[in-house]
Amino acid sequence: MDDTFGWLDVDEIAIRLHEAHPGVDPLSLRFTALRGLVEKLPGFTPDPDHPVNEKILETIQMAWHDEREGNVKEDEEG
């Protein structure tokens, strides 16, 4: 099984960022910092046909925020 992912795998990136940095508020990060965190994730392999841009970073940021908020709500309910 191939465990690599790239910039277009937004949901996978969001999950991995949440797991790697559970205490980080993604909305507090600059895109340069977010990009650095993504690039350091194990298995991340950028695809030269799909370079990163601001729209992708914003989508990752919001998906990570949603992942974080979903887990907070689960903790409150459980």
N, C-alpha and C. Protein backbone atom coordinates (compact mmCIF):
# COMPACT_ATOMS: atom_id res chain seq x y z
N MET A 1 0.84 -1.18 0.00
CA MET A 1 0.00 0.00 0.00
C MET A 1 0.88 1.24 0.00
N ASP A 2 0.56 2.18 -0.85
CA ASP A 2 1.32 3.41 -0.97
C ASP A 2 0.87 4.38 0.12
N ASP A 3 1.79 4.77 0.99
CA ASP A 3 1.45 5.65 2.11
C ASP A 3 1.92 7.07 1.87
N THR A 4 2.03 7.45 0.60
CA THR A 4 2.45 8.81 0.30
C THR A 4 1.23 9.63 -0.11
N PHE A 5 1.37 10.92 0.02
CA PHE A 5 0.28 11.83 -0.33
C PHE A 5 0.90 13.15 -0.73
N GLY A 6 0.13 13.95 -1.46
CA GLY A 6 0.61 15.24 -1.94
C GLY A 6 -0.36 16.36 -1.63
N TRP A 7 -0.11 17.51 -2.21
CA TRP A 7 -0.87 18.72 -1.91
C TRP A 7 -2.38 18.58 -2.14
N LEU A 8 -2.79 17.75 -3.05
CA LEU A 8 -4.22 17.63 -3.35
C LEU A 8 -4.96 16.70 -2.38
N ASP A 9 -4.23 16.02 -1.52
CA ASP A 9 -4.84 15.12 -0.54
C ASP A 9 -5.16 15.88 0.74
N VAL A 10 -6.03 16.84 0.61
CA VAL A 10 -6.32 17.81 1.66
C VAL A 10 -6.82 17.13 2.94
N ASP A 11 -7.76 16.21 2.82
CA ASP A 11 -8.31 15.56 4.01
C ASP A 11 -7.24 14.74 4.74
N GLU A 12 -6.44 14.03 3.99
CA GLU A 12 -5.34 13.25 4.59
C GLU A 12 -4.36 14.17 5.32
N ILE A 13 -4.02 15.26 4.69
CA ILE A 13 -3.11 16.24 5.31
C ILE A 13 -3.72 16.79 6.59
N ALA A 14 -5.00 17.13 6.56
CA ALA A 14 -5.67 17.69 7.74
C ALA A 14 -5.64 16.70 8.90
N ILE A 15 -5.92 15.45 8.62
CA ILE A 15 -5.91 14.42 9.67
C ILE A 15 -4.51 14.27 10.25
N ARG A 16 -3.54 14.19 9.38
CA ARG A 16 -2.15 14.01 9.85
C ARG A 16 -1.65 15.22 10.62
N LEU A 17 -2.02 16.41 10.18
CA LEU A 17 -1.62 17.61 10.92
C LEU A 17 -2.27 17.62 12.30
N HIS A 18 -3.52 17.26 12.37
CA HIS A 18 -4.21 17.22 13.66
C HIS A 18 -3.55 16.21 14.59
N GLU A 19 -3.20 15.05 14.06
CA GLU A 19 -2.54 14.03 14.87
C GLU A 19 -1.15 14.47 15.32
N ALA A 20 -0.42 15.13 14.43
CA ALA A 20 0.96 15.54 14.73
C ALA A 20 1.02 16.79 15.62
N HIS A 21 0.01 17.65 15.52
CA HIS A 21 0.02 18.93 16.23
C HIS A 21 -1.35 19.21 16.84
N PRO A 22 -1.79 18.38 17.80
CA PRO A 22 -3.15 18.52 18.33
C PRO A 22 -3.41 19.83 19.06
N GLY A 23 -2.40 20.46 19.58
CA GLY A 23 -2.61 21.70 20.33
C GLY A 23 -2.53 22.96 19.50
N VAL A 24 -2.28 22.82 18.21
CA VAL A 24 -2.10 23.99 17.34
C VAL A 24 -3.45 24.41 16.76
N ASP A 25 -3.72 25.71 16.84
CA ASP A 25 -4.90 26.27 16.18
C ASP A 25 -4.50 26.60 14.75
N PRO A 26 -5.01 25.86 13.78
CA PRO A 26 -4.59 26.08 12.39
C PRO A 26 -4.90 27.48 11.88
N LEU A 27 -5.92 28.13 12.45
CA LEU A 27 -6.28 29.47 11.98
C LEU A 27 -5.29 30.52 12.46
N SER A 28 -4.40 30.15 13.37
CA SER A 28 -3.40 31.09 13.87
C SER A 28 -2.11 31.06 13.06
N LEU A 29 -2.02 30.12 12.12
CA LEU A 29 -0.79 29.94 11.36
C LEU A 29 -0.76 30.77 10.09
N ARG A 30 0.40 31.30 9.78
CA ARG A 30 0.62 31.90 8.46
C ARG A 30 0.78 30.76 7.46
N PHE A 31 0.49 31.05 6.22
CA PHE A 31 0.59 30.01 5.19
C PHE A 31 2.01 29.47 5.06
N THR A 32 3.01 30.31 5.29
CA THR A 32 4.39 29.82 5.20
C THR A 32 4.66 28.77 6.28
N ALA A 33 4.14 29.00 7.47
CA ALA A 33 4.31 28.02 8.56
C ALA A 33 3.52 26.75 8.27
N LEU A 34 2.30 26.90 7.77
CA LEU A 34 1.47 25.76 7.42
C LEU A 34 2.17 24.91 6.36
N ARG A 35 2.69 25.56 5.36
CA ARG A 35 3.40 24.84 4.30
C ARG A 35 4.56 24.03 4.87
N GLY A 36 5.31 24.64 5.77
CA GLY A 36 6.43 23.95 6.39
C GLY A 36 5.99 22.72 7.18
N LEU A 37 4.88 22.85 7.92
CA LEU A 37 4.38 21.70 8.69
C LEU A 37 3.95 20.56 7.77
N VAL A 38 3.28 20.90 6.68
CA VAL A 38 2.85 19.87 5.72
C VAL A 38 4.06 19.18 5.12
N GLU A 39 5.04 19.96 4.70
CA GLU A 39 6.21 19.39 4.04
C GLU A 39 7.02 18.48 4.96
N LYS A 40 6.87 18.63 6.27
CA LYS A 40 7.59 17.79 7.24
C LYS A 40 6.82 16.52 7.63
N LEU A 41 5.58 16.40 7.18
CA LEU A 41 4.80 15.21 7.52
C LEU A 41 5.40 13.96 6.87
N PRO A 42 5.52 12.87 7.64
CA PRO A 42 6.01 11.62 7.04
C PRO A 42 5.08 11.17 5.92
N GLY A 43 5.64 10.82 4.80
CA GLY A 43 4.86 10.36 3.65
C GLY A 43 4.50 11.45 2.67
N PHE A 44 4.71 12.71 3.05
CA PHE A 44 4.37 13.79 2.12
C PHE A 44 5.35 13.79 0.96
N THR A 45 4.81 13.74 -0.24
CA THR A 45 5.60 13.76 -1.46
C THR A 45 4.92 14.71 -2.45
N PRO A 46 5.49 15.91 -2.63
CA PRO A 46 4.85 16.86 -3.55
C PRO A 46 4.87 16.34 -4.99
N ASP A 47 3.80 16.61 -5.69
CA ASP A 47 3.67 16.24 -7.09
C ASP A 47 4.02 17.47 -7.94
N PRO A 48 5.04 17.37 -8.78
CA PRO A 48 5.42 18.53 -9.58
C PRO A 48 4.31 19.03 -10.51
N ASP A 49 3.35 18.16 -10.82
CA ASP A 49 2.23 18.58 -11.67
C ASP A 49 1.17 19.36 -10.89
N HIS A 50 1.27 19.35 -9.56
CA HIS A 50 0.30 20.05 -8.71
C HIS A 50 1.03 20.81 -7.61
N PRO A 51 1.68 21.91 -7.96
CA PRO A 51 2.39 22.68 -6.93
C PRO A 51 1.40 23.35 -5.97
N VAL A 52 1.90 23.70 -4.81
CA VAL A 52 1.05 24.33 -3.81
C VAL A 52 0.78 25.78 -4.18
N ASN A 53 -0.39 26.25 -3.78
CA ASN A 53 -0.73 27.66 -3.95
C ASN A 53 -1.57 28.10 -2.75
N GLU A 54 -1.91 29.36 -2.71
CA GLU A 54 -2.64 29.90 -1.56
C GLU A 54 -4.00 29.22 -1.37
N LYS A 55 -4.68 28.92 -2.46
CA LYS A 55 -5.99 28.27 -2.36
C LYS A 55 -5.88 26.90 -1.72
N ILE A 56 -4.88 26.13 -2.09
CA ILE A 56 -4.68 24.81 -1.50
C ILE A 56 -4.36 24.94 -0.02
N LEU A 57 -3.49 25.88 0.34
CA LEU A 57 -3.14 26.07 1.74
C LEU A 57 -4.36 26.50 2.56
N GLU A 58 -5.19 27.36 2.00
CA GLU A 58 -6.40 27.78 2.70
C GLU A 58 -7.35 26.59 2.89
N THR A 59 -7.46 25.75 1.89
CA THR A 59 -8.33 24.58 1.99
C THR A 59 -7.81 23.61 3.04
N ILE A 60 -6.49 23.41 3.09
CA ILE A 60 -5.88 22.56 4.11
C ILE A 60 -6.14 23.15 5.50
N GLN A 61 -5.94 24.45 5.62
CA GLN A 61 -6.14 25.12 6.90
C GLN A 61 -7.57 24.92 7.41
N MET A 62 -8.54 25.08 6.55
CA MET A 62 -9.95 24.93 6.96
C MET A 62 -10.29 23.47 7.25
N ALA A 63 -9.74 22.54 6.47
CA ALA A 63 -9.99 21.12 6.73
C ALA A 63 -9.38 20.72 8.07
N TRP A 64 -8.20 21.23 8.38
CA TRP A 64 -7.56 20.95 9.67
C TRP A 64 -8.41 21.56 10.79
N HIS A 65 -8.88 22.76 10.59
CA HIS A 65 -9.75 23.41 11.58
C HIS A 65 -11.01 22.56 11.82
N ASP A 66 -11.63 22.10 10.75
CA ASP A 66 -12.82 21.26 10.87
C ASP A 66 -12.51 19.95 11.60
N GLU A 67 -11.36 19.36 11.30
CA GLU A 67 -10.93 18.13 11.97
C GLU A 67 -10.75 18.38 13.47
N ARG A 68 -10.12 19.47 13.79
CA ARG A 68 -9.87 19.84 15.19
C ARG A 68 -11.19 20.11 15.92
N GLU A 69 -12.08 20.87 15.31
CA GLU A 69 -13.37 21.19 15.92
C GLU A 69 -14.21 19.94 16.10
N GLY A 70 -14.18 19.04 15.14
CA GLY A 70 -14.92 17.79 15.24
C GLY A 70 -14.44 16.95 16.40
N ASN A 71 -13.15 16.92 16.63
CA ASN A 71 -12.60 16.15 17.74
C ASN A 71 -12.92 16.81 19.08
N VAL A 72 -12.94 18.13 19.12
CA VAL A 72 -13.29 18.84 20.35
C VAL A 72 -14.74 18.52 20.73
N LYS A 73 -15.63 18.54 19.75
CA LYS A 73 -17.04 18.25 20.01
C LYS A 73 -17.22 16.81 20.47
N GLU A 74 -16.48 15.87 19.88
CA GLU A 74 -16.56 14.47 20.29
C GLU A 74 -16.10 14.32 21.73
N ASP A 75 -15.03 15.04 22.11
CA ASP A 75 -14.53 14.98 23.49
C ASP A 75 -15.56 15.53 24.46
N GLU A 76 -16.24 16.59 24.08
CA GLU A 76 -17.26 17.20 24.95
C GLU A 76 -18.47 16.30 25.12
N GLU A 77 -18.84 15.58 24.04
CA GLU A 77 -20.00 14.72 24.08
C GLU A 77 -19.70 13.39 24.79
N GLY A 78 -18.46 12.93 24.67
CA GLY A 78 -18.10 11.61 25.18
C GLY A 78 -17.71 11.65 26.58
